[in-house]
PDB file of N, CA and C in Angstrom:
ATOM      1  N   UNK A   1     -75.301 -23.784   4.458  1.00  0.00           N
ATOM      2  CA  UNK A   1     -74.484 -23.370   3.261  1.00  0.00           C
ATOM      3  C   UNK A   1     -73.423 -24.510   3.112  1.00  0.00           C
ATOM      4  N   UNK A   2     -73.467 -25.246   2.149  1.00  0.00           N
ATOM      5  CA  UNK A   2     -72.599 -26.149   2.001  1.00  0.00           C
ATOM      6  C   UNK A   2     -71.614 -25.572   0.622  1.00  0.00           C
ATOM      7  N   UNK A   3     -70.404 -26.039   0.519  1.00  0.00           N
ATOM      8  CA  UNK A   3     -69.426 -25.472  -0.598  1.00  0.00           C
ATOM      9  C   UNK A   3     -69.060 -27.007  -1.079  1.00  0.00           C
ATOM     10  N   UNK A   4     -69.325 -27.069  -2.291  1.00  0.00           N
ATOM     11  CA  UNK A   4     -68.918 -28.494  -3.238  1.00  0.00           C
ATOM     12  C   UNK A   4     -67.709 -28.285  -3.638  1.00  0.00           C
ATOM     13  N   UNK A   5     -66.694 -28.405  -2.981  1.00  0.00           N
ATOM     14  CA  UNK A   5     -65.231 -28.819  -3.193  1.00  0.00           C
ATOM     15  C   UNK A   5     -64.902 -30.066  -3.834  1.00  0.00           C
ATOM     16  N   UNK A   6     -64.160 -29.819  -4.875  1.00  0.00           N
ATOM     17  CA  UNK A   6     -63.810 -31.105  -5.768  1.00  0.00           C
ATOM     18  C   UNK A   6     -62.255 -31.408  -4.920  1.00  0.00           C
ATOM     19  N   UNK A   7     -62.176 -32.876  -4.304  1.00  0.00           N
ATOM     20  CA  UNK A   7     -60.782 -33.328  -4.259  1.00  0.00           C
ATOM     21  C   UNK A   7     -59.674 -33.154  -4.865  1.00  0.00           C
ATOM     22  N   UNK A   8     -58.409 -32.616  -4.765  1.00  0.00           N
ATOM     23  CA  UNK A   8     -57.706 -32.394  -5.539  1.00  0.00           C
ATOM     24  C   UNK A   8     -56.804 -33.836  -5.758  1.00  0.00           C
ATOM     25  N   UNK A   9     -56.294 -34.137  -6.874  1.00  0.00           N
ATOM     26  CA  UNK A   9     -55.617 -35.392  -7.228  1.00  0.00           C
ATOM     27  C   UNK A   9     -53.939 -35.027  -6.967  1.00  0.00           C
ATOM     28  N   UNK A  10     -53.257 -36.138  -6.708  1.00  0.00           N
ATOM     29  CA  UNK A  10     -52.140 -36.128  -6.428  1.00  0.00           C
ATOM     30  C   UNK A  10     -51.264 -35.434  -7.512  1.00  0.00           C
ATOM     31  N   UNK A  11     -50.434 -34.340  -7.543  1.00  0.00           N
ATOM     32  CA  UNK A  11     -49.924 -33.971  -8.584  1.00  0.00           C
ATOM     33  C   UNK A  11     -48.949 -34.810  -9.512  1.00  0.00           C
ATOM     34  N   UNK A  12     -48.129 -36.043  -8.836  1.00  0.00           N
ATOM     35  CA  UNK A  12     -47.796 -36.709  -9.782  1.00  0.00           C
ATOM     36  C   UNK A  12     -48.616 -37.688 -10.383  1.00  0.00           C
ATOM     37  N   UNK A  13     -49.549 -37.991  -9.869  1.00  0.00           N
ATOM     38  CA  UNK A  13     -50.764 -38.673 -10.782  1.00  0.00           C
ATOM     39  C   UNK A  13     -50.984 -38.122 -12.111  1.00  0.00           C
ATOM     40  N   UNK A  14     -51.456 -37.098 -11.582  1.00  0.00           N
ATOM     41  CA  UNK A  14     -52.132 -35.830 -12.636  1.00  0.00           C
ATOM     42  C   UNK A  14     -51.078 -35.723 -13.815  1.00  0.00           C
ATOM     43  N   UNK A  15     -49.824 -35.500 -13.598  1.00  0.00           N
ATOM     44  CA  UNK A  15     -48.678 -35.380 -14.552  1.00  0.00           C
ATOM     45  C   UNK A  15     -48.591 -36.838 -15.361  1.00  0.00           C
ATOM     46  N   UNK A  16     -48.575 -37.865 -14.645  1.00  0.00           N
ATOM     47  CA  UNK A  16     -48.388 -39.146 -15.487  1.00  0.00           C
ATOM     48  C   UNK A  16     -49.226 -39.159 -16.154  1.00  0.00           C
ATOM     49  N   UNK A  17     -50.638 -39.051 -15.882  1.00  0.00           N
ATOM     50  CA  UNK A  17     -52.102 -39.403 -16.555  1.00  0.00           C
ATOM     51  C   UNK A  17     -52.037 -38.586 -17.912  1.00  0.00           C
ATOM     52  N   UNK A  18     -51.597 -37.283 -17.772  1.00  0.00           N
ATOM     53  CA  UNK A  18     -51.684 -36.296 -18.668  1.00  0.00           C
ATOM     54  C   UNK A  18     -50.075 -36.575 -19.673  1.00  0.00           C
ATOM     55  N   UNK A  19     -49.264 -37.060 -19.411  1.00  0.00           N
ATOM     56  CA  UNK A  19     -48.263 -37.294 -20.016  1.00  0.00           C
ATOM     57  C   UNK A  19     -48.563 -38.672 -21.042  1.00  0.00           C
ATOM     58  N   UNK A  20     -49.001 -39.611 -20.669  1.00  0.00           N
ATOM     59  CA  UNK A  20     -49.615 -40.803 -21.081  1.00  0.00           C
ATOM     60  C   UNK A  20     -50.463 -40.387 -22.304  1.00  0.00           C
ATOM     61  N   UNK A  21     -51.444 -39.287 -22.182  1.00  0.00           N
ATOM     62  CA  UNK A  21     -52.341 -39.102 -23.085  1.00  0.00           C
ATOM     63  C   UNK A  21     -51.515 -38.275 -24.064  1.00  0.00           C
ATOM     64  N   UNK A  22     -50.725 -37.340 -24.145  1.00  0.00           N
ATOM     65  CA  UNK A  22     -49.823 -36.476 -24.656  1.00  0.00           C
ATOM     66  C   UNK A  22     -49.048 -37.531 -25.778  1.00  0.00           C
ATOM     67  N   UNK A  23     -48.529 -38.313 -24.912  1.00  0.00           N
ATOM     68  CA  UNK A  23     -47.108 -39.089 -25.768  1.00  0.00           C
ATOM     69  C   UNK A  23     -48.170 -40.409 -26.453  1.00  0.00           C
ATOM     70  N   UNK A  24     -49.046 -40.669 -26.342  1.00  0.00           N
ATOM     71  CA  UNK A  24     -50.084 -41.465 -26.846  1.00  0.00           C
ATOM     72  C   UNK A  24     -50.732 -40.906 -27.895  1.00  0.00           C
ATOM     73  N   UNK A  25     -50.420 -39.701 -28.436  1.00  0.00           N
ATOM     74  CA  UNK A  25     -50.724 -39.377 -29.583  1.00  0.00           C
ATOM     75  C   UNK A  25     -52.311 -38.417 -29.385  1.00  0.00           C
ATOM     76  N   UNK A  26     -52.628 -38.148 -28.287  1.00  0.00           N
ATOM     77  CA  UNK A  26     -53.826 -37.085 -28.008  1.00  0.00           C
ATOM     78  C   UNK A  26     -53.458 -35.583 -28.496  1.00  0.00           C
ATOM     79  N   UNK A  27     -54.572 -35.070 -29.194  1.00  0.00           N
ATOM     80  CA  UNK A  27     -54.625 -33.608 -29.384  1.00  0.00           C
ATOM     81  C   UNK A  27     -55.580 -33.144 -27.837  1.00  0.00           C
ATOM     82  N   UNK A  28     -55.266 -32.724 -27.017  1.00  0.00           N
ATOM     83  CA  UNK A  28     -55.772 -32.062 -26.077  1.00  0.00           C
ATOM     84  C   UNK A  28     -56.428 -30.599 -26.222  1.00  0.00           C
ATOM     85  N   UNK A  29     -57.482 -30.056 -26.115  1.00  0.00           N
ATOM     86  CA  UNK A  29     -57.932 -28.875 -26.312  1.00  0.00           C
ATOM     87  C   UNK A  29     -57.187 -28.179 -25.022  1.00  0.00           C
ATOM     88  N   UNK A  30     -56.549 -27.165 -25.120  1.00  0.00           N
ATOM     89  CA  UNK A  30     -56.009 -26.549 -24.060  1.00  0.00           C
ATOM     90  C   UNK A  30     -56.956 -25.906 -23.254  1.00  0.00           C
ATOM     91  N   UNK A  31     -58.128 -25.217 -23.825  1.00  0.00           N
ATOM     92  CA  UNK A  31     -58.990 -24.762 -22.704  1.00  0.00           C
ATOM     93  C   UNK A  31     -59.969 -25.833 -21.720  1.00  0.00           C
ATOM     94  N   UNK A  32     -59.916 -27.093 -22.465  1.00  0.00           N
ATOM     95  CA  UNK A  32     -60.533 -27.917 -21.656  1.00  0.00           C
ATOM     96  C   UNK A  32     -59.965 -28.380 -20.006  1.00  0.00           C
ATOM     97  N   UNK A  33     -58.656 -28.063 -20.208  1.00  0.00           N
ATOM     98  CA  UNK A  33     -57.894 -28.717 -19.142  1.00  0.00           C
ATOM     99  C   UNK A  33     -58.274 -28.147 -17.675  1.00  0.00           C
ATOM    100  N   UNK A  34     -58.097 -29.021 -16.809  1.00  0.00           N
ATOM    101  CA  UNK A  34     -58.781 -28.136 -15.364  1.00  0.00           C
ATOM    102  C   UNK A  34     -57.264 -27.644 -14.915  1.00  0.00           C
ATOM    103  N   UNK A  35     -57.363 -26.815 -13.642  1.00  0.00           N
ATOM    104  CA  UNK A  35     -56.414 -25.946 -13.228  1.00  0.00           C
ATOM    105  C   UNK A  35     -54.967 -26.968 -12.660  1.00  0.00           C
ATOM    106  N   UNK A  36     -55.441 -28.430 -12.384  1.00  0.00           N
ATOM    107  CA  UNK A  36     -54.445 -29.181 -12.035  1.00  0.00           C
ATOM    108  C   UNK A  36     -53.633 -29.811 -13.234  1.00  0.00           C
ATOM    109  N   UNK A  37     -54.366 -29.847 -14.290  1.00  0.00           N
ATOM    110  CA  UNK A  37     -54.062 -30.412 -15.667  1.00  0.00           C
ATOM    111  C   UNK A  37     -53.030 -29.388 -16.344  1.00  0.00           C
ATOM    112  N   UNK A  38     -53.392 -28.048 -16.165  1.00  0.00           N
ATOM    113  CA  UNK A  38     -52.578 -26.866 -16.355  1.00  0.00           C
ATOM    114  C   UNK A  38     -51.359 -27.087 -15.949  1.00  0.00           C
ATOM    115  N   UNK A  39     -51.037 -27.131 -14.545  1.00  0.00           N
ATOM    116  CA  UNK A  39     -49.818 -27.048 -13.840  1.00  0.00           C
ATOM    117  C   UNK A  39     -49.104 -28.363 -14.372  1.00  0.00           C
ATOM    118  N   UNK A  40     -49.724 -29.842 -14.614  1.00  0.00           N
ATOM    119  CA  UNK A  40     -48.932 -30.563 -15.378  1.00  0.00           C
ATOM    120  C   UNK A  40     -48.416 -30.234 -16.823  1.00  0.00           C
ATOM    121  N   UNK A  41     -49.155 -29.628 -17.423  1.00  0.00           N
ATOM    122  CA  UNK A  41     -49.124 -29.245 -18.950  1.00  0.00           C
ATOM    123  C   UNK A  41     -47.720 -28.243 -18.932  1.00  0.00           C
ATOM    124  N   UNK A  42     -47.938 -27.520 -17.931  1.00  0.00           N
ATOM    125  CA  UNK A  42     -46.832 -26.593 -18.097  1.00  0.00           C
ATOM    126  C   UNK A  42     -45.386 -27.158 -17.404  1.00  0.00           C
ATOM    127  N   UNK A  43     -45.498 -27.957 -16.755  1.00  0.00           N
ATOM    128  CA  UNK A  43     -44.158 -28.886 -16.534  1.00  0.00           C
ATOM    129  C   UNK A  43     -43.736 -29.701 -17.797  1.00  0.00           C
ATOM    130  N   UNK A  44     -44.910 -30.346 -18.629  1.00  0.00           N
ATOM    131  CA  UNK A  44     -44.439 -31.143 -19.674  1.00  0.00           C
ATOM    132  C   UNK A  44     -43.986 -30.084 -20.800  1.00  0.00           C
ATOM    133  N   UNK A  45     -44.295 -28.947 -21.109  1.00  0.00           N
ATOM    134  CA  UNK A  45     -43.981 -27.836 -21.861  1.00  0.00           C
ATOM    135  C   UNK A  45     -42.382 -27.654 -21.381  1.00  0.00           C
ATOM    136  N   UNK A  46     -42.433 -27.371 -20.105  1.00  0.00           N
ATOM    137  CA  UNK A  46     -41.063 -26.713 -19.504  1.00  0.00           C
ATOM    138  C   UNK A  46     -39.862 -28.121 -20.109  1.00  0.00           C
ATOM    139  N   UNK A  47     -40.320 -29.054 -19.801  1.00  0.00           N
ATOM    140  CA  UNK A  47     -39.399 -30.194 -19.992  1.00  0.00           C
ATOM    141  C   UNK A  47     -39.089 -30.677 -21.455  1.00  0.00           C
ATOM    142  N   UNK A  48     -39.858 -30.026 -22.150  1.00  0.00           N
ATOM    143  CA  UNK A  48     -39.570 -30.023 -23.725  1.00  0.00           C
ATOM    144  C   UNK A  48     -40.159 -31.489 -23.981  1.00  0.00           C
ATOM    145  N   UNK A  49     -41.281 -31.940 -23.387  1.00  0.00           N
ATOM    146  CA  UNK A  49     -41.903 -33.389 -23.759  1.00  0.00           C
ATOM    147  C   UNK A  49     -43.402 -32.801 -24.824  1.00  0.00           C
ATOM    148  N   UNK A  50     -43.663 -31.438 -24.407  1.00  0.00           N
ATOM    149  CA  UNK A  50     -45.063 -31.198 -25.328  1.00  0.00           C
ATOM    150  C   UNK A  50     -44.743 -29.776 -25.589  1.00  0.00           C
ATOM    151  N   UNK A  51     -45.565 -29.233 -26.341  1.00  0.00           N
ATOM    152  CA  UNK A  51     -45.943 -27.950 -27.127  1.00  0.00           C
ATOM    153  C   UNK A  51     -47.178 -27.411 -27.504  1.00  0.00           C
ATOM    154  N   UNK A  52     -47.597 -26.351 -27.318  1.00  0.00           N
ATOM    155  CA  UNK A  52     -48.813 -25.709 -27.778  1.00  0.00           C
ATOM    156  C   UNK A  52     -48.734 -25.406 -29.037  1.00  0.00           C
ATOM    157  N   UNK A  53     -49.756 -26.074 -29.953  1.00  0.00           N
ATOM    158  CA  UNK A  53     -50.217 -25.598 -31.520  1.00  0.00           C
ATOM    159  C   UNK A  53     -51.446 -25.068 -31.437  1.00  0.00           C
ATOM    160  N   UNK A  54     -51.456 -24.125 -32.739  1.00  0.00           N
ATOM    161  CA  UNK A  54     -52.961 -23.899 -32.901  1.00  0.00           C
ATOM    162  C   UNK A  54     -53.591 -24.382 -34.260  1.00  0.00           C
ATOM    163  N   UNK A  55     -54.540 -24.913 -34.118  1.00  0.00           N
ATOM    164  CA  UNK A  55     -55.400 -25.427 -35.047  1.00  0.00           C
ATOM    165  C   UNK A  55     -56.683 -25.194 -35.026  1.00  0.00           C
ATOM    166  N   UNK A  56     -57.143 -24.503 -36.375  1.00  0.00           N
ATOM    167  CA  UNK A  56     -58.407 -24.145 -36.304  1.00  0.00           C
ATOM    168  C   UNK A  56     -58.880 -23.044 -35.336  1.00  0.00           C
ATOM    169  N   UNK A  57     -57.904 -22.170 -34.933  1.00  0.00           N
ATOM    170  CA  UNK A  57     -57.848 -21.098 -34.033  1.00  0.00           C
ATOM    171  C   UNK A  57     -58.019 -21.328 -32.801  1.00  0.00           C
ATOM    172  N   UNK A  58     -57.554 -22.541 -32.562  1.00  0.00           N
ATOM    173  CA  UNK A  58     -57.611 -22.990 -30.833  1.00  0.00           C
ATOM    174  C   UNK A  58     -56.506 -23.878 -30.603  1.00  0.00           C
ATOM    175  N   UNK A  59     -55.794 -23.619 -29.415  1.00  0.00           N
ATOM    176  CA  UNK A  59     -54.960 -23.875 -28.769  1.00  0.00           C
ATOM    177  C   UNK A  59     -54.781 -25.474 -28.353  1.00  0.00           C
ATOM    178  N   UNK A  60     -53.905 -26.371 -28.845  1.00  0.00           N
ATOM    179  CA  UNK A  60     -53.940 -27.731 -28.402  1.00  0.00           C
ATOM    180  C   UNK A  60     -52.685 -28.202 -27.949  1.00  0.00           C
ATOM    181  N   UNK A  61     -52.390 -28.903 -26.993  1.00  0.00           N
ATOM    182  CA  UNK A  61     -51.463 -29.507 -26.188  1.00  0.00           C
ATOM    183  C   UNK A  61     -51.044 -30.936 -27.234  1.00  0.00           C
ATOM    184  N   UNK A  62     -49.969 -31.040 -27.474  1.00  0.00           N
ATOM    185  CA  UNK A  62     -49.772 -32.209 -28.138  1.00  0.00           C
ATOM    186  C   UNK A  62     -48.011 -32.459 -27.551  1.00  0.00           C
ATOM    187  N   UNK A  63     -47.649 -33.787 -28.093  1.00  0.00           N
ATOM    188  CA  UNK A  63     -46.199 -34.255 -27.862  1.00  0.00           C
ATOM    189  C   UNK A  63     -45.319 -33.328 -28.816  1.00  0.00           C
ATOM    190  N   UNK A  64     -44.331 -32.837 -28.122  1.00  0.00           N
ATOM    191  CA  UNK A  64     -43.226 -32.247 -29.030  1.00  0.00           C
ATOM    192  C   UNK A  64     -42.455 -33.509 -30.058  1.00  0.00           C
ATOM    193  N   UNK A  65     -42.268 -33.374 -30.981  1.00  0.00           N
ATOM    194  CA  UNK A  65     -41.505 -34.047 -31.777  1.00  0.00           C
ATOM    195  C   UNK A  65     -39.943 -33.552 -32.562  1.00  0.00           C
ATOM    196  N   UNK A  66     -39.292 -34.240 -32.149  1.00  0.00           N
ATOM    197  CA  UNK A  66     -37.883 -33.970 -32.789  1.00  0.00           C
ATOM    198  C   UNK A  66     -37.883 -33.763 -34.050  1.00  0.00           C
ATOM    199  N   UNK A  67     -37.482 -32.820 -34.652  1.00  0.00           N
ATOM    200  CA  UNK A  67     -37.575 -32.375 -36.107  1.00  0.00           C
ATOM    201  C   UNK A  67     -36.124 -32.419 -36.490  1.00  0.00           C
ATOM    202  N   UNK A  68     -35.518 -33.192 -37.330  1.00  0.00           N
ATOM    203  CA  UNK A  68     -34.298 -33.003 -38.029  1.00  0.00           C
ATOM    204  C   UNK A  68     -34.626 -32.555 -39.467  1.00  0.00           C
ATOM    205  N   UNK A  69     -33.788 -31.792 -40.094  1.00  0.00           N
ATOM    206  CA  UNK A  69     -33.533 -31.288 -41.167  1.00  0.00           C
ATOM    207  C   UNK A  69     -32.221 -31.796 -42.258  1.00  0.00           C
ATOM    208  N   UNK A  70     -32.466 -32.347 -43.085  1.00  0.00           N
ATOM    209  CA  UNK A  70     -31.412 -32.914 -43.834  1.00  0.00           C
ATOM    210  C   UNK A  70     -31.299 -32.053 -44.965  1.00  0.00           C
ATOM    211  N   UNK A  71     -30.505 -31.204 -45.154  1.00  0.00           N
ATOM    212  CA  UNK A  71     -29.854 -30.427 -46.047  1.00  0.00           C
ATOM    213  C   UNK A  71     -29.112 -31.349 -47.309  1.00  0.00           C
TER     214      UNK A  71
END
Protein backbone atom coordinates (compact mmCIF):
# COMPACT_ATOMS: atom_id res chain seq x y z
CA UNK A 1 0.00 0.00 0.00
CA UNK A 2 1.71 3.14 -1.16
CA UNK A 3 0.67 6.64 -0.25
CA UNK A 4 1.11 9.23 -2.96
CA UNK A 5 2.25 12.36 -1.15
CA UNK A 6 2.99 15.54 -2.99
CA UNK A 7 6.35 17.06 -2.17
CA UNK A 8 5.87 20.42 -0.46
CA UNK A 9 7.38 23.51 -1.99
CA UNK A 10 9.45 26.02 -0.04
CA UNK A 11 6.99 28.55 1.51
CA UNK A 12 9.10 31.52 0.36
CA UNK A 13 8.99 30.27 -3.24
CA UNK A 14 5.23 29.75 -3.06
CA UNK A 15 4.73 33.24 -1.60
CA UNK A 16 6.85 34.90 -4.30
CA UNK A 17 5.15 32.97 -7.11
CA UNK A 18 1.68 33.90 -5.83
CA UNK A 19 2.74 37.54 -5.28
CA UNK A 20 3.94 37.78 -8.91
CA UNK A 21 0.64 36.37 -10.18
CA UNK A 22 -1.48 38.73 -8.08
CA UNK A 23 0.57 41.87 -8.69
CA UNK A 24 0.73 40.97 -12.38
CA UNK A 25 -3.03 41.45 -12.59
CA UNK A 26 -4.34 37.93 -12.23
CA UNK A 27 -7.72 37.34 -10.63
CA UNK A 28 -7.13 33.99 -8.96
CA UNK A 29 -10.17 31.91 -8.05
CA UNK A 30 -9.77 31.42 -4.31
CA UNK A 31 -11.23 27.91 -4.41
CA UNK A 32 -8.52 26.77 -6.84
CA UNK A 33 -5.60 27.52 -4.48
CA UNK A 34 -3.66 24.67 -2.89
CA UNK A 35 -3.04 24.49 0.85
CA UNK A 36 0.43 26.04 0.44
CA UNK A 37 -0.97 28.82 -1.74
CA UNK A 38 -3.69 29.52 0.84
CA UNK A 39 -1.01 30.10 3.46
CA UNK A 40 0.79 32.46 1.07
CA UNK A 41 -2.51 34.22 0.23
CA UNK A 42 -3.16 34.73 3.94
CA UNK A 43 0.22 36.42 4.28
CA UNK A 44 -0.44 38.68 1.27
CA UNK A 45 -3.83 39.66 2.68
CA UNK A 46 -2.39 40.31 6.13
CA UNK A 47 0.34 42.55 4.68
CA UNK A 48 -2.26 44.50 2.69
CA UNK A 49 -0.90 43.45 -0.70
CA UNK A 50 -4.00 41.49 -1.75
CA UNK A 51 -7.69 41.24 -0.99
CA UNK A 52 -10.59 38.91 -1.66
CA UNK A 53 -13.37 40.17 -3.87
CA UNK A 54 -16.60 38.52 -4.95
CA UNK A 55 -17.41 38.39 -8.62
CA UNK A 56 -20.30 36.32 -9.97
CA UNK A 57 -20.73 34.89 -6.45
CA UNK A 58 -17.19 33.45 -6.50
CA UNK A 59 -14.26 34.60 -4.33
CA UNK A 60 -11.16 35.87 -6.16
CA UNK A 61 -7.76 36.90 -4.82
CA UNK A 62 -6.65 40.18 -6.42
CA UNK A 63 -4.04 42.86 -5.82
CA UNK A 64 -5.18 45.50 -3.38
CA UNK A 65 -5.37 48.90 -4.99
CA UNK A 66 -4.79 52.15 -3.14
CA UNK A 67 -7.92 54.21 -3.45
CA UNK A 68 -7.75 57.97 -3.09
CA UNK A 69 -10.98 59.93 -3.07
CA UNK A 70 -10.63 63.59 -3.97
CA UNK A 71 -13.52 65.68 -2.73
